[in-house]
Protein backbone atom coordinates (compact mmCIF):
# COMPACT_ATOMS: atom_id res chain seq x y z
CA MET A 1 8.77 25.75 -4.90
CA THR A 2 12.25 24.59 -5.84
CA ILE A 3 15.50 25.18 -4.09
CA ARG A 4 18.55 25.26 -6.28
CA SER A 5 21.63 23.34 -5.26
CA GLN A 6 23.65 26.58 -5.49
CA ASP A 7 21.61 27.94 -2.58
CA ASP A 8 22.45 25.02 -0.31
CA PRO A 9 25.98 23.59 -0.48
CA VAL A 10 24.92 20.47 1.47
CA LEU A 11 22.42 19.52 -1.23
CA GLU A 12 24.90 20.31 -3.98
CA ASN A 13 26.96 17.18 -3.28
CA SER A 14 24.01 14.81 -2.90
CA CYS A 15 21.99 12.93 -5.46
CA GLY A 16 18.83 13.33 -3.35
CA GLU A 17 17.70 16.34 -5.35
CA ARG A 18 17.95 14.40 -8.62
CA ILE A 19 16.11 11.41 -7.20
CA LEU A 20 13.33 13.62 -5.85
CA SER A 21 13.01 15.34 -9.20
CA ALA A 22 12.53 11.98 -10.91
CA LEU A 23 10.11 10.65 -8.30
CA THR A 24 6.95 11.84 -10.08
CA PHE A 25 8.06 10.22 -13.33
CA ILE A 26 8.89 6.96 -11.56
CA ILE A 27 5.50 6.84 -9.81
CA VAL A 28 3.68 7.53 -13.10
CA ILE A 29 5.56 4.68 -14.79
CA VAL A 30 4.73 2.34 -11.89
CA CYS A 31 1.02 3.27 -12.07
CA LEU A 32 0.99 2.68 -15.83
CA GLY A 33 2.62 -0.70 -15.37
CA LEU A 34 0.12 -1.66 -12.69
CA TRP A 35 -2.81 -0.59 -14.87
CA ILE A 36 -1.58 -2.50 -17.93
CA THR A 37 -0.96 -5.62 -15.86
CA ALA A 38 -4.36 -5.44 -14.17
CA PHE A 39 -6.11 -4.81 -17.49
CA LEU A 40 -4.44 -7.75 -19.21
CA LEU A 41 -5.27 -10.06 -16.31
CA LEU A 42 -8.90 -8.97 -15.94
CA LYS A 43 -10.09 -8.11 -19.46
CA ASP A 44 -11.29 -11.60 -20.34
CA HIS A 45 -13.12 -12.01 -17.05
CA LEU A 46 -14.85 -8.63 -17.11
CA PHE A 47 -15.90 -8.18 -20.72
CA ALA A 48 -16.02 -11.51 -22.53
CA GLU A 49 -18.92 -12.91 -20.50
CA ASN A 50 -21.33 -10.03 -21.15
CA PHE A 51 -20.36 -8.58 -24.54
CA SER A 52 -19.32 -9.91 -27.91
CA GLY A 53 -18.09 -8.74 -31.29
CA ASN A 54 -17.65 -5.08 -32.12
CA ILE A 55 -19.07 -3.88 -28.80
CA LEU A 56 -16.43 -5.91 -26.95
CA THR A 57 -13.64 -4.37 -29.02
CA ASN A 58 -14.91 -0.82 -28.50
CA LEU A 59 -15.45 -1.32 -24.79
CA THR A 60 -12.01 -2.81 -24.19
CA CYS A 61 -10.37 -0.01 -26.18
CA LEU A 62 -12.24 2.67 -24.24
CA THR A 63 -11.50 1.03 -20.92
CA PHE A 64 -7.82 0.54 -21.67
CA PHE A 65 -7.09 4.08 -22.86
CA GLY A 66 -9.35 5.66 -20.26
CA GLY A 67 -7.52 3.70 -17.61
CA LEU A 68 -4.18 4.90 -18.98
CA VAL A 69 -5.28 8.52 -18.62
CA ILE A 70 -6.53 7.90 -15.09
CA ALA A 71 -3.31 6.03 -14.18
CA ILE A 72 -1.20 8.97 -15.41
CA PHE A 73 -3.33 11.43 -13.43
CA VAL A 74 -3.24 9.37 -10.23
CA GLY A 75 0.48 8.70 -10.62
CA ALA A 76 1.23 12.39 -11.10
CA LEU A 77 -0.78 13.35 -8.02
CA ALA A 78 0.81 10.65 -5.89
CA GLY A 79 4.30 11.39 -7.18
CA ASN A 80 4.00 15.12 -6.58
CA SER A 81 2.71 14.67 -3.05
CA LEU A 82 5.50 12.18 -2.24
CA ARG A 83 8.09 14.48 -3.78
CA ARG A 84 6.90 17.43 -1.69
CA THR A 85 6.87 15.34 1.47
CA PHE A 86 10.36 13.93 0.90
CA TRP A 87 11.68 17.35 -0.12
CA LYS A 88 10.45 18.91 3.15
CA MET A 89 12.00 16.04 5.12
CA LEU A 90 15.31 16.47 3.27
CA ILE A 91 15.41 20.21 3.89
CA GLN A 92 14.55 19.80 7.59
CA ARG A 93 17.19 17.11 7.99
CA LYS A 94 19.87 19.31 6.41
CA LYS A 95 19.17 22.33 8.65
C-alpha cells in the first residue's frame, strides 16, 4: 500500500515520504552493524574455549554468515513494521 505524493499535495512538499521509504534499509544496516559488532566481540569467548583448528574455522564461518542472514531478515521485518506504523501516523496527522 503506497500513496503517491501526487495524490496528496501536503505530502508532496515534505521529505517524510522519502525518509519512510528508506527506513527499512536503515534498520537493516543497523541490524547488520549490531550483528557484526556482537560477533567480533563474542567470537573468542564462545568458540575458542570448546573448539580448535578446522572445526573452529568452519563453526565461526557458519555462525557469522548465518547471523548475517538472520540480521537481514529481522531488520527487514522490523523496518517494514516501523515504516507502516509511521506511515499511518503521517497520513492521520495530515488529514
